[in-house]
Each structure stands twice: as structure tokens, then as C-alpha cells.
PDB file of N, CA and C in Angstrom:
ATOM      1  N   MET A   1     163.923  56.137 129.144  1.00  0.00           N
ATOM      2  CA  MET A   1     163.331  56.134 127.817  1.00  0.00           C
ATOM      3  C   MET A   1     162.161  57.116 127.763  1.00  0.00           C
ATOM      4  N   ARG A   2     161.407  57.203 128.840  1.00  0.00           N
ATOM      5  CA  ARG A   2     160.281  58.135 128.865  1.00  0.00           C
ATOM      6  C   ARG A   2     160.762  59.572 128.782  1.00  0.00           C
ATOM      7  N   ALA A   3     161.843  59.867 129.468  1.00  0.00           N
ATOM      8  CA  ALA A   3     162.392  61.226 129.433  1.00  0.00           C
ATOM      9  C   ALA A   3     162.852  61.579 128.023  1.00  0.00           C
ATOM     10  N   ILE A   4     163.468  60.645 127.356  1.00  0.00           N
ATOM     11  CA  ILE A   4     163.906  60.882 125.976  1.00  0.00           C
ATOM     12  C   ILE A   4     162.699  61.095 125.077  1.00  0.00           C
ATOM     13  N   HIS A   5     161.663  60.269 125.254  1.00  0.00           N
ATOM     14  CA  HIS A   5     160.439  60.407 124.464  1.00  0.00           C
ATOM     15  C   HIS A   5     159.796  61.784 124.711  1.00  0.00           C
ATOM     16  N   ARG A   6     159.731  62.206 125.981  1.00  0.00           N
ATOM     17  CA  ARG A   6     159.176  63.537 126.310  1.00  0.00           C
ATOM     18  C   ARG A   6     159.984  64.631 125.640  1.00  0.00           C
ATOM     19  N   HIS A   7     161.301  64.488 125.675  1.00  0.00           N
ATOM     20  CA  HIS A   7     162.170  65.497 125.053  1.00  0.00           C
ATOM     21  C   HIS A   7     161.862  65.616 123.559  1.00  0.00           C
ATOM     22  N   TYR A   8     161.824  64.485 122.866  1.00  0.00           N
ATOM     23  CA  TYR A   8     161.561  64.523 121.430  1.00  0.00           C
ATOM     24  C   TYR A   8     160.155  65.025 121.126  1.00  0.00           C
ATOM     25  N   THR A   9     159.197  64.717 121.961  1.00  0.00           N
ATOM     26  CA  THR A   9     157.841  65.251 121.781  1.00  0.00           C
ATOM     27  C   THR A   9     157.859  66.766 121.925  1.00  0.00           C
ATOM     28  N   HIS A  10     158.562  67.243 122.929  1.00  0.00           N
ATOM     29  CA  HIS A  10     158.678  68.690 123.137  1.00  0.00           C
ATOM     30  C   HIS A  10     159.363  69.361 121.936  1.00  0.00           C
ATOM     31  N   VAL A  11     160.451  68.789 121.477  1.00  0.00           N
ATOM     32  CA  VAL A  11     161.164  69.344 120.318  1.00  0.00           C
ATOM     33  C   VAL A  11     160.254  69.363 119.097  1.00  0.00           C
ATOM     34  N   ARG A  12     159.527  68.295 118.867  1.00  0.00           N
ATOM     35  CA  ARG A  12     158.609  68.216 117.723  1.00  0.00           C
ATOM     36  C   ARG A  12     157.567  69.334 117.801  1.00  0.00           C
ATOM     37  N   GLU A  13     157.030  69.584 118.991  1.00  0.00           N
ATOM     38  CA  GLU A  13     156.041  70.658 119.174  1.00  0.00           C
ATOM     39  C   GLU A  13     156.664  72.027 118.922  1.00  0.00           C
ATOM     40  N   GLU A  14     157.884  72.213 119.381  1.00  0.00           N
ATOM     41  CA  GLU A  14     158.579  73.488 119.174  1.00  0.00           C
ATOM     42  C   GLU A  14     158.855  73.756 117.698  1.00  0.00           C
ATOM     43  N   LEU A  15     159.040  72.696 116.916  1.00  0.00           N
ATOM     44  CA  LEU A  15     159.386  72.847 115.509  1.00  0.00           C
ATOM     45  C   LEU A  15     158.170  72.999 114.592  1.00  0.00           C
ATOM     46  N   GLN A  16     156.974  72.880 115.144  1.00  0.00           N
ATOM     47  CA  GLN A  16     155.770  73.038 114.324  1.00  0.00           C
ATOM     48  C   GLN A  16     155.723  74.459 113.771  1.00  0.00           C
ATOM     49  N   PRO A  17     155.367  74.627 112.489  1.00  0.00           N
ATOM     50  CA  PRO A  17     155.346  75.967 111.901  1.00  0.00           C
ATOM     51  C   PRO A  17     154.273  76.852 112.536  1.00  0.00           C
ATOM     52  N   ASP A  18     154.589  78.140 112.642  1.00  0.00           N
ATOM     53  CA  ASP A  18     153.661  79.144 113.149  1.00  0.00           C
ATOM     54  C   ASP A  18     152.968  79.824 111.975  1.00  0.00           C
ATOM     55  N   GLU A  19     152.105  80.757 112.326  1.00  0.00           N
ATOM     56  CA  GLU A  19     151.517  81.600 111.292  1.00  0.00           C
ATOM     57  C   GLU A  19     152.645  82.410 110.655  1.00  0.00           C
ATOM     58  N   GLU A  20     152.525  82.673 109.365  1.00  0.00           N
ATOM     59  CA  GLU A  20     153.596  83.369 108.648  1.00  0.00           C
ATOM     60  C   GLU A  20     153.913  84.721 109.273  1.00  0.00           C
ATOM     61  N   SER A  21     152.899  85.451 109.715  1.00  0.00           N
ATOM     62  CA  SER A  21     153.136  86.775 110.282  1.00  0.00           C
ATOM     63  C   SER A  21     153.980  86.710 111.551  1.00  0.00           C
ATOM     64  N   GLU A  22     153.910  85.597 112.266  1.00  0.00           N
ATOM     65  CA  GLU A  22     154.694  85.467 113.487  1.00  0.00           C
ATOM     66  C   GLU A  22     156.152  85.145 113.209  1.00  0.00           C
ATOM     67  N   LEU A  23     156.493  84.799 111.981  1.00  0.00           N
ATOM     68  CA  LEU A  23     157.869  84.452 111.648  1.00  0.00           C
ATOM     69  C   LEU A  23     158.747  85.679 111.454  1.00  0.00           C
ATOM     70  N   LEU A  24     158.117  86.820 111.178  1.00  0.00           N
ATOM     71  CA  LEU A  24     158.896  88.024 110.947  1.00  0.00           C
ATOM     72  C   LEU A  24     159.378  88.610 112.267  1.00  0.00           C
ATOM     73  N   PRO A  25     160.646  88.977 112.329  1.00  0.00           N
ATOM     74  CA  PRO A  25     161.150  89.559 113.574  1.00  0.00           C
ATOM     75  C   PRO A  25     160.621  90.981 113.750  1.00  0.00           C
ATOM     76  N   SER A  26     160.527  91.405 114.996  1.00  0.00           N
ATOM     77  CA  SER A  26     160.136  92.784 115.282  1.00  0.00           C
ATOM     78  C   SER A  26     161.218  93.748 114.805  1.00  0.00           C
ATOM     79  N   ARG A  27     162.449  93.441 115.190  1.00  0.00           N
ATOM     80  CA  ARG A  27     163.604  94.265 114.826  1.00  0.00           C
ATOM     81  C   ARG A  27     164.820  93.365 114.639  1.00  0.00           C
ATOM     82  N   VAL A  28     165.853  93.927 114.040  1.00  0.00           N
ATOM     83  CA  VAL A  28     167.103  93.203 113.847  1.00  0.00           C
ATOM     84  C   VAL A  28     168.213  93.998 114.533  1.00  0.00           C
ATOM     85  N   HIS A  29     168.940  93.314 115.408  1.00  0.00           N
ATOM     86  CA  HIS A  29     170.092  93.911 116.086  1.00  0.00           C
ATOM     87  C   HIS A  29     171.344  93.288 115.480  1.00  0.00           C
ATOM     88  N   ALA A  30     172.265  94.109 115.024  1.00  0.00           N
ATOM     89  CA  ALA A  30     173.537  93.608 114.497  1.00  0.00           C
ATOM     90  C   ALA A  30     174.639  93.991 115.479  1.00  0.00           C
ATOM     91  N   ILE A  31     175.498  93.036 115.739  1.00  0.00           N
ATOM     92  CA  ILE A  31     176.615  93.254 116.663  1.00  0.00           C
ATOM     93  C   ILE A  31     177.896  92.861 115.948  1.00  0.00           C
ATOM     94  N   VAL A  32     178.878  93.760 115.964  1.00  0.00           N
ATOM     95  CA  VAL A  32     180.187  93.468 115.383  1.00  0.00           C
ATOM     96  C   VAL A  32     181.189  93.394 116.533  1.00  0.00           C
ATOM     97  N   LEU A  33     181.839  92.249 116.655  1.00  0.00           N
ATOM     98  CA  LEU A  33     182.863  92.069 117.683  1.00  0.00           C
ATOM     99  C   LEU A  33     184.189  92.588 117.143  1.00  0.00           C
ATOM    100  N   VAL A  34     184.789  93.499 117.873  1.00  0.00           N
ATOM    101  CA  VAL A  34     186.021  94.140 117.413  1.00  0.00           C
ATOM    102  C   VAL A  34     187.120  93.908 118.441  1.00  0.00           C
ATOM    103  N   SER A  35     188.252  93.394 117.981  1.00  0.00           N
ATOM    104  CA  SER A  35     189.402  93.257 118.874  1.00  0.00           C
ATOM    105  C   SER A  35     190.512  94.220 118.474  1.00  0.00           C
ATOM    106  N   THR A  36     190.561  94.565 117.191  1.00  0.00           N
ATOM    107  CA  THR A  36     191.569  95.466 116.643  1.00  0.00           C
ATOM    108  C   THR A  36     190.909  96.301 115.560  1.00  0.00           C
ATOM    109  N   LEU A  37     191.325  97.547 115.439  1.00  0.00           N
ATOM    110  CA  LEU A  37     190.785  98.378 114.367  1.00  0.00           C
ATOM    111  C   LEU A  37     191.685  98.213 113.144  1.00  0.00           C
ATOM    112  N   HIS A  38     191.210  97.421 112.191  1.00  0.00           N
ATOM    113  CA  HIS A  38     191.930  97.193 110.951  1.00  0.00           C
ATOM    114  C   HIS A  38     190.913  96.997 109.832  1.00  0.00           C
ATOM    115  N   LYS A  39     191.376  96.704 108.625  1.00  0.00           N
ATOM    116  CA  LYS A  39     190.465  96.572 107.488  1.00  0.00           C
ATOM    117  C   LYS A  39     189.361  95.538 107.720  1.00  0.00           C
ATOM    118  N   PRO A  40     189.686  94.365 108.251  1.00  0.00           N
ATOM    119  CA  PRO A  40     188.584  93.414 108.491  1.00  0.00           C
ATOM    120  C   PRO A  40     187.505  93.973 109.428  1.00  0.00           C
ATOM    121  N   SER A  41     187.914  94.760 110.423  1.00  0.00           N
ATOM    122  CA  SER A  41     186.927  95.382 111.319  1.00  0.00           C
ATOM    123  C   SER A  41     186.048  96.349 110.544  1.00  0.00           C
ATOM    124  N   GLN A  42     186.688  97.179 109.733  1.00  0.00           N
ATOM    125  CA  GLN A  42     185.935  98.154 108.946  1.00  0.00           C
ATOM    126  C   GLN A  42     185.008  97.459 107.947  1.00  0.00           C
ATOM    127  N   ARG A  43     185.469  96.370 107.357  1.00  0.00           N
ATOM    128  CA  ARG A  43     184.622  95.628 106.415  1.00  0.00           C
ATOM    129  C   ARG A  43     183.452  94.967 107.129  1.00  0.00           C
ATOM    130  N   ALA A  44     183.697  94.440 108.319  1.00  0.00           N
ATOM    131  CA  ALA A  44     182.616  93.812 109.082  1.00  0.00           C
ATOM    132  C   ALA A  44     181.548  94.845 109.442  1.00  0.00           C
ATOM    133  N   ILE A  45     181.967  96.035 109.826  1.00  0.00           N
ATOM    134  CA  ILE A  45     181.020  97.102 110.148  1.00  0.00           C
ATOM    135  C   ILE A  45     180.262  97.529 108.890  1.00  0.00           C
ATOM    136  N   ALA A  46     180.984  97.671 107.784  1.00  0.00           N
ATOM    137  CA  ALA A  46     180.332  98.048 106.519  1.00  0.00           C
ATOM    138  C   ALA A  46     179.313  96.991 106.099  1.00  0.00           C
ATOM    139  N   PHE A  47     179.669  95.729 106.247  1.00  0.00           N
ATOM    140  CA  PHE A  47     178.750  94.655 105.898  1.00  0.00           C
ATOM    141  C   PHE A  47     177.513  94.705 106.790  1.00  0.00           C
ATOM    142  N   ALA A  48     177.722  94.884 108.081  1.00  0.00           N
ATOM    143  CA  ALA A  48     176.600  94.957 109.015  1.00  0.00           C
ATOM    144  C   ALA A  48     175.694  96.133 108.676  1.00  0.00           C
ATOM    145  N   ARG A  49     176.283  97.277 108.336  1.00  0.00           N
ATOM    146  CA  ARG A  49     175.473  98.442 107.927  1.00  0.00           C
ATOM    147  C   ARG A  49     174.672  98.142 106.671  1.00  0.00           C
ATOM    148  N   ALA A  50     175.289  97.419 105.736  1.00  0.00           N
ATOM    149  CA  ALA A  50     174.628  97.118 104.458  1.00  0.00           C
ATOM    150  C   ALA A  50     173.387  96.251 104.649  1.00  0.00           C
ATOM    151  N   THR A  51     173.323  95.508 105.742  1.00  0.00           N
ATOM    152  CA  THR A  51     172.141  94.679 106.006  1.00  0.00           C
ATOM    153  C   THR A  51     170.990  95.503 106.558  1.00  0.00           C
ATOM    154  N   ARG A  52     171.239  96.753 106.844  1.00  0.00           N
ATOM    155  CA  ARG A  52     170.243  97.706 107.346  1.00  0.00           C
ATOM    156  C   ARG A  52     169.524  97.222 108.605  1.00  0.00           C
ATOM    157  N   PRO A  53     170.291  96.926 109.654  1.00  0.00           N
ATOM    158  CA  PRO A  53     169.658  96.495 110.898  1.00  0.00           C
ATOM    159  C   PRO A  53     168.988  97.683 111.594  1.00  0.00           C
ATOM    160  N   ASP A  54     168.096  97.391 112.510  1.00  0.00           N
ATOM    161  CA  ASP A  54     167.471  98.453 113.297  1.00  0.00           C
ATOM    162  C   ASP A  54     168.469  99.077 114.267  1.00  0.00           C
ATOM    163  N   THR A  55     169.327  98.243 114.831  1.00  0.00           N
ATOM    164  CA  THR A  55     170.399  98.754 115.685  1.00  0.00           C
ATOM    165  C   THR A  55     171.702  98.064 115.300  1.00  0.00           C
ATOM    166  N   LEU A  56     172.787  98.797 115.426  1.00  0.00           N
ATOM    167  CA  LEU A  56     174.111  98.269 115.121  1.00  0.00           C
ATOM    168  C   LEU A  56     175.033  98.637 116.270  1.00  0.00           C
ATOM    169  N   SER A  57     175.703  97.643 116.827  1.00  0.00           N
ATOM    170  CA  SER A  57     176.629  97.871 117.934  1.00  0.00           C
ATOM    171  C   SER A  57     177.994  97.311 117.589  1.00  0.00           C
ATOM    172  N   ALA A  58     179.013  98.074 117.921  1.00  0.00           N
ATOM    173  CA  ALA A  58     180.390  97.576 117.848  1.00  0.00           C
ATOM    174  C   ALA A  58     180.803  97.357 119.295  1.00  0.00           C
ATOM    175  N   ILE A  59     181.243  96.125 119.594  1.00  0.00           N
ATOM    176  CA  ILE A  59     181.630  95.826 120.974  1.00  0.00           C
ATOM    177  C   ILE A  59     183.016  95.215 121.013  1.00  0.00           C
ATOM    178  N   THR A  60     183.668  95.434 122.127  1.00  0.00           N
ATOM    179  CA  THR A  60     184.940  94.787 122.393  1.00  0.00           C
ATOM    180  C   THR A  60     184.917  94.301 123.830  1.00  0.00           C
ATOM    181  N   VAL A  61     185.644  93.255 124.105  1.00  0.00           N
ATOM    182  CA  VAL A  61     185.708  92.701 125.452  1.00  0.00           C
ATOM    183  C   VAL A  61     187.039  93.111 126.065  1.00  0.00           C
ATOM    184  N   ASN A  62     186.969  93.729 127.229  1.00  0.00           N
ATOM    185  CA  ASN A  62     188.168  94.206 127.900  1.00  0.00           C
ATOM    186  C   ASN A  62     188.840  93.061 128.647  1.00  0.00           C
ATOM    187  N   VAL A  63     189.868  92.501 128.018  1.00  0.00           N
ATOM    188  CA  VAL A  63     190.667  91.476 128.694  1.00  0.00           C
ATOM    189  C   VAL A  63     192.029  92.038 129.104  1.00  0.00           C
ATOM    190  N   ASP A  64     192.363  93.213 128.578  1.00  0.00           N
ATOM    191  CA  ASP A  64     193.617  93.890 128.924  1.00  0.00           C
ATOM    192  C   ASP A  64     193.354  95.391 128.861  1.00  0.00           C
ATOM    193  N   ASP A  65     193.492  96.081 129.975  1.00  0.00           N
ATOM    194  CA  ASP A  65     193.155  97.506 130.032  1.00  0.00           C
ATOM    195  C   ASP A  65     193.939  98.345 129.033  1.00  0.00           C
ATOM    196  N   ALA A  66     195.234  98.085 128.907  1.00  0.00           N
ATOM    197  CA  ALA A  66     196.070  98.878 127.998  1.00  0.00           C
ATOM    198  C   ALA A  66     195.639  98.680 126.546  1.00  0.00           C
ATOM    199  N   ASP A  67     195.388  97.437 126.156  1.00  0.00           N
ATOM    200  CA  ASP A  67     194.938  97.156 124.778  1.00  0.00           C
ATOM    201  C   ASP A  67     193.581  97.787 124.502  1.00  0.00           C
ATOM    202  N   THR A  68     192.700  97.736 125.475  1.00  0.00           N
ATOM    203  CA  THR A  68     191.364  98.322 125.296  1.00  0.00           C
ATOM    204  C   THR A  68     191.454  99.834 125.161  1.00  0.00           C
ATOM    205  N   ARG A  69     192.271 100.481 125.997  1.00  0.00           N
ATOM    206  CA  ARG A  69     192.458 101.936 125.882  1.00  0.00           C
ATOM    207  C   ARG A  69     193.035 102.310 124.524  1.00  0.00           C
ATOM    208  N   GLU A  70     193.999 101.516 124.047  1.00  0.00           N
ATOM    209  CA  GLU A  70     194.592 101.764 122.732  1.00  0.00           C
ATOM    210  C   GLU A  70     193.539 101.648 121.631  1.00  0.00           C
ATOM    211  N   LEU A  71     192.701 100.621 121.699  1.00  0.00           N
ATOM    212  CA  LEU A  71     191.641 100.454 120.714  1.00  0.00           C
ATOM    213  C   LEU A  71     190.675 101.630 120.766  1.00  0.00           C
ATOM    214  N   GLN A  72     190.305 102.069 121.961  1.00  0.00           N
ATOM    215  CA  GLN A  72     189.407 103.211 122.090  1.00  0.00           C
ATOM    216  C   GLN A  72     190.031 104.474 121.502  1.00  0.00           C
ATOM    217  N   ASN A  73     191.327 104.677 121.738  1.00  0.00           N
ATOM    218  CA  ASN A  73     192.021 105.836 121.172  1.00  0.00           C
ATOM    219  C   ASN A  73     192.027 105.781 119.649  1.00  0.00           C
ATOM    220  N   GLN A  74     192.353 104.614 119.088  1.00  0.00           N
ATOM    221  CA  GLN A  74     192.346 104.461 117.628  1.00  0.00           C
ATOM    222  C   GLN A  74     190.947 104.705 117.074  1.00  0.00           C
ATOM    223  N   TRP A  75     189.948 104.214 117.776  1.00  0.00           N
ATOM    224  CA  TRP A  75     188.554 104.363 117.356  1.00  0.00           C
ATOM    225  C   TRP A  75     188.190 105.855 117.256  1.00  0.00           C
ATOM    226  N   GLU A  76     188.580 106.611 118.282  1.00  0.00           N
ATOM    227  CA  GLU A  76     188.302 108.049 118.300  1.00  0.00           C
ATOM    228  C   GLU A  76     189.123 108.781 117.241  1.00  0.00           C
ATOM    229  N   GLN A  77     190.410 108.454 117.105  1.00  0.00           N
ATOM    230  CA  GLN A  77     191.266 109.115 116.125  1.00  0.00           C
ATOM    231  C   GLN A  77     190.760 108.897 114.701  1.00  0.00           C
ATOM    232  N   ARG A  78     190.248 107.711 114.413  1.00  0.00           N
ATOM    233  CA  ARG A  78     189.709 107.393 113.086  1.00  0.00           C
ATOM    234  C   ARG A  78     188.358 108.054 112.845  1.00  0.00           C
ATOM    235  N   GLY A  79     187.754 108.559 113.915  1.00  0.00           N
ATOM    236  CA  GLY A  79     186.458 109.195 113.780  1.00  0.00           C
ATOM    237  C   GLY A  79     185.361 108.208 113.391  1.00  0.00           C
ATOM    238  N   MET A  80     185.423 107.023 113.977  1.00  0.00           N
ATOM    239  CA  MET A  80     184.417 106.011 113.682  1.00  0.00           C
ATOM    240  C   MET A  80     183.044 106.539 114.097  1.00  0.00           C
ATOM    241  N   LYS A  81     182.084 106.439 113.195  1.00  0.00           N
ATOM    242  CA  LYS A  81     180.755 106.993 113.442  1.00  0.00           C
ATOM    243  C   LYS A  81     179.936 106.133 114.402  1.00  0.00           C
ATOM    244  N   LEU A  82     180.348 104.919 114.587  1.00  0.00           N
ATOM    245  CA  LEU A  82     179.650 103.984 115.453  1.00  0.00           C
ATOM    246  C   LEU A  82     180.366 103.946 116.804  1.00  0.00           C
ATOM    247  N   PRO A  83     179.632 104.161 117.904  1.00  0.00           N
ATOM    248  CA  PRO A  83     180.300 104.088 119.210  1.00  0.00           C
ATOM    249  C   PRO A  83     180.813 102.672 119.489  1.00  0.00           C
ATOM    250  N   LEU A  84     181.908 102.595 120.200  1.00  0.00           N
ATOM    251  CA  LEU A  84     182.489 101.315 120.593  1.00  0.00           C
ATOM    252  C   LEU A  84     182.093 101.043 122.037  1.00  0.00           C
ATOM    253  N   LYS A  85     181.367  99.975 122.259  1.00  0.00           N
ATOM    254  CA  LYS A  85     180.953  99.597 123.609  1.00  0.00           C
ATOM    255  C   LYS A  85     181.969  98.604 124.149  1.00  0.00           C
ATOM    256  N   VAL A  86     182.436  98.868 125.367  1.00  0.00           N
ATOM    257  CA  VAL A  86     183.406  97.988 126.022  1.00  0.00           C
ATOM    258  C   VAL A  86     182.668  97.137 127.043  1.00  0.00           C
ATOM    259  N   ILE A  87     182.821  95.833 126.917  1.00  0.00           N
ATOM    260  CA  ILE A  87     182.240  94.886 127.869  1.00  0.00           C
ATOM    261  C   ILE A  87     183.364  94.406 128.768  1.00  0.00           C
ATOM    262  N   GLU A  88     183.163  94.554 130.058  1.00  0.00           N
ATOM    263  CA  GLU A  88     184.191  94.143 131.006  1.00  0.00           C
ATOM    264  C   GLU A  88     184.219  92.619 131.160  1.00  0.00           C
ATOM    265  N   SER A  89     185.421  92.098 131.353  1.00  0.00           N
ATOM    266  CA  SER A  89     185.597  90.664 131.568  1.00  0.00           C
ATOM    267  C   SER A  89     186.615  90.467 132.690  1.00  0.00           C
ATOM    268  N   PRO A  90     186.127  90.307 133.909  1.00  0.00           N
ATOM    269  CA  PRO A  90     187.061  90.199 135.039  1.00  0.00           C
ATOM    270  C   PRO A  90     187.963  88.975 134.984  1.00  0.00           C
ATOM    271  N   TYR A  91     187.552  87.937 134.250  1.00  0.00           N
ATOM    272  CA  TYR A  91     188.348  86.716 134.206  1.00  0.00           C
ATOM    273  C   TYR A  91     189.036  86.520 132.850  1.00  0.00           C
ATOM    274  N   ARG A  92     189.135  87.602 132.084  1.00  0.00           N
ATOM    275  CA  ARG A  92     189.816  87.596 130.789  1.00  0.00           C
ATOM    276  C   ARG A  92     189.175  86.615 129.802  1.00  0.00           C
ATOM    277  N   GLU A  93     187.889  86.401 129.951  1.00  0.00           N
ATOM    278  CA  GLU A  93     187.138  85.565 129.023  1.00  0.00           C
ATOM    279  C   GLU A  93     186.556  86.445 127.938  1.00  0.00           C
ATOM    280  N   ILE A  94     186.327  85.874 126.789  1.00  0.00           N
ATOM    281  CA  ILE A  94     185.689  86.625 125.713  1.00  0.00           C
ATOM    282  C   ILE A  94     184.287  86.082 125.449  1.00  0.00           C
ATOM    283  N   THR A  95     184.166  84.790 125.363  1.00  0.00           N
ATOM    284  CA  THR A  95     182.902  84.174 124.960  1.00  0.00           C
ATOM    285  C   THR A  95     181.769  84.465 125.938  1.00  0.00           C
ATOM    286  N   ARG A  96     181.970  84.213 127.197  1.00  0.00           N
ATOM    287  CA  ARG A  96     180.895  84.360 128.175  1.00  0.00           C
ATOM    288  C   ARG A  96     180.334  85.790 128.235  1.00  0.00           C
ATOM    289  N   PRO A  97     181.159  86.839 128.287  1.00  0.00           N
ATOM    290  CA  PRO A  97     180.591  88.190 128.305  1.00  0.00           C
ATOM    291  C   PRO A  97     179.797  88.529 127.030  1.00  0.00           C
ATOM    292  N   VAL A  98     180.265  88.039 125.878  1.00  0.00           N
ATOM    293  CA  VAL A  98     179.545  88.306 124.626  1.00  0.00           C
ATOM    294  C   VAL A  98     178.207  87.576 124.626  1.00  0.00           C
ATOM    295  N   VAL A  99     178.219  86.328 125.040  1.00  0.00           N
ATOM    296  CA  VAL A  99     176.969  85.557 125.109  1.00  0.00           C
ATOM    297  C   VAL A  99     175.997  86.231 126.068  1.00  0.00           C
ATOM    298  N   GLN A 100     176.483  86.707 127.196  1.00  0.00           N
ATOM    299  CA  GLN A 100     175.625  87.381 128.164  1.00  0.00           C
ATOM    300  C   GLN A 100     175.058  88.678 127.581  1.00  0.00           C
ATOM    301  N   TYR A 101     175.862  89.402 126.836  1.00  0.00           N
ATOM    302  CA  TYR A 101     175.420  90.637 126.176  1.00  0.00           C
ATOM    303  C   TYR A 101     174.272  90.339 125.215  1.00  0.00           C
ATOM    304  N   VAL A 102     174.431  89.297 124.410  1.00  0.00           N
ATOM    305  CA  VAL A 102     173.389  88.913 123.446  1.00  0.00           C
ATOM    306  C   VAL A 102     172.142  88.431 124.189  1.00  0.00           C
ATOM    307  N   LYS A 103     172.340  87.645 125.237  1.00  0.00           N
ATOM    308  CA  LYS A 103     171.196  87.159 126.018  1.00  0.00           C
ATOM    309  C   LYS A 103     170.395  88.324 126.591  1.00  0.00           C
ATOM    310  N   ASN A 104     171.081  89.353 127.062  1.00  0.00           N
ATOM    311  CA  ASN A 104     170.384  90.517 127.606  1.00  0.00           C
ATOM    312  C   ASN A 104     169.540  91.214 126.538  1.00  0.00           C
ATOM    313  N   ILE A 105     170.063  91.296 125.347  1.00  0.00           N
ATOM    314  CA  ILE A 105     169.287  91.887 124.247  1.00  0.00           C
ATOM    315  C   ILE A 105     168.078  91.007 123.955  1.00  0.00           C
ATOM    316  N   ARG A 106     168.312  89.711 123.848  1.00  0.00           N
ATOM    317  CA  ARG A 106     167.228  88.763 123.547  1.00  0.00           C
ATOM    318  C   ARG A 106     166.167  88.758 124.650  1.00  0.00           C
ATOM    319  N   ARG A 107     166.601  88.850 125.883  1.00  0.00           N
ATOM    320  CA  ARG A 107     165.663  88.839 127.007  1.00  0.00           C
ATOM    321  C   ARG A 107     164.731  90.045 126.929  1.00  0.00           C
ATOM    322  N   GLY A 108     165.274  91.185 126.543  1.00  0.00           N
ATOM    323  CA  GLY A 108     164.468  92.403 126.448  1.00  0.00           C
ATOM    324  C   GLY A 108     163.505  92.389 125.277  1.00  0.00           C
ATOM    325  N   SER A 109     163.841  91.693 124.205  1.00  0.00           N
ATOM    326  CA  SER A 109     163.012  91.659 122.997  1.00  0.00           C
ATOM    327  C   SER A 109     163.096  90.276 122.368  1.00  0.00           C
ATOM    328  N   PRO A 110     162.324  89.307 122.862  1.00  0.00           N
ATOM    329  CA  PRO A 110     162.457  87.931 122.371  1.00  0.00           C
ATOM    330  C   PRO A 110     162.072  87.725 120.906  1.00  0.00           C
ATOM    331  N   ARG A 111     161.252  88.600 120.322  1.00  0.00           N
ATOM    332  CA  ARG A 111     160.877  88.426 118.922  1.00  0.00           C
ATOM    333  C   ARG A 111     161.895  89.048 117.967  1.00  0.00           C
ATOM    334  N   ASP A 112     162.875  89.721 118.504  1.00  0.00           N
ATOM    335  CA  ASP A 112     163.900  90.342 117.682  1.00  0.00           C
ATOM    336  C   ASP A 112     164.943  89.308 117.278  1.00  0.00           C
ATOM    337  N   ILE A 113     165.665  89.624 116.222  1.00  0.00           N
ATOM    338  CA  ILE A 113     166.778  88.775 115.775  1.00  0.00           C
ATOM    339  C   ILE A 113     168.073  89.517 116.074  1.00  0.00           C
ATOM    340  N   THR A 114     169.029  88.781 116.604  1.00  0.00           N
ATOM    341  CA  THR A 114     170.343  89.349 116.883  1.00  0.00           C
ATOM    342  C   THR A 114     171.361  88.619 116.024  1.00  0.00           C
ATOM    343  N   THR A 115     172.139  89.378 115.254  1.00  0.00           N
ATOM    344  CA  THR A 115     173.165  88.779 114.420  1.00  0.00           C
ATOM    345  C   THR A 115     174.515  89.287 114.872  1.00  0.00           C
ATOM    346  N   GLN A 116     175.523  88.413 114.813  1.00  0.00           N
ATOM    347  CA  GLN A 116     176.868  88.798 115.216  1.00  0.00           C
ATOM    348  C   GLN A 116     177.816  88.571 114.050  1.00  0.00           C
ATOM    349  N   ARG A 117     178.793  89.440 113.991  1.00  0.00           N
ATOM    350  CA  ARG A 117     179.856  89.299 112.993  1.00  0.00           C
ATOM    351  C   ARG A 117     181.144  89.602 113.714  1.00  0.00           C
ATOM    352  N   ARG A 118     182.094  88.724 113.574  1.00  0.00           N
ATOM    353  CA  ARG A 118     183.401  88.922 114.203  1.00  0.00           C
ATOM    354  C   ARG A 118     184.351  89.467 113.151  1.00  0.00           C
ATOM    355  N   SER A 119     185.081  90.486 113.515  1.00  0.00           N
ATOM    356  CA  SER A 119     186.045  91.057 112.571  1.00  0.00           C
ATOM    357  C   SER A 119     187.381  90.386 112.766  1.00  0.00           C
ATOM    358  N   GLY A 120     187.953  89.965 111.653  1.00  0.00           N
ATOM    359  CA  GLY A 120     189.291  89.420 111.639  1.00  0.00           C
ATOM    360  C   GLY A 120     189.558  88.255 112.437  1.00  0.00           C
TER     361      GLY A 120
END
């Protein structure tokens, strides 16, 4: 019961409002997860651009080398202005590498906001 009480006390302290100036993020990072280059991908990128983030990244997780190469080729052929970053996944997972990517961004700039949008 004491541990639960300590937890709730800690949560209550964390939820206390800060000074208004501290609520504003330093920067905004937008990340668009891309598995296929199609209209939903293009719309997700357009939407992310419209929010005017400080940085915008298009990422894909490599779970199949042939599919990833094909996506990279389509990306280049379409002349996409945003570089496509490939995140390796040795165990064919998608969630864990993406979460780790976001954590790395957050670790480098904790006052920044990171937003993700999945296409399609």
C-alpha cells in the first residue's frame, strides 16, 4: 500500500502545472512511417509538412531487403524531396526499431516534441 501511495504521490507531483513558458517545446520533429509509396504516404507527408515542423523525417523499417530496395527505387524514381531513412530490423520487428528511433531523438532533445504519422 505504501508503494502505491508513493507512486500516486509521484504522479501527482509530475502532473503539477509548470510555468507557461516551460510548456512550449524547443522544436517539433515530425516522423512519417512509410511502408509503401502510394497516395496515403504522399498525403501523410503533405500533412506533416503542413504542420511546419522543425524537422521532418520519412522512415521505413527494413524487414525484407527486396521490399526495402524496391521502396527506395520508387522513392528515387518519384523524385521525393524528402530523404527516406531506412531503419534496420534484424528480427523483422517494426514497433521496437521505431520506438527506439523516437527515443533517440527524445534523448537528444527532451524539451522537443516528436510526432508520428503512419501512412496507409
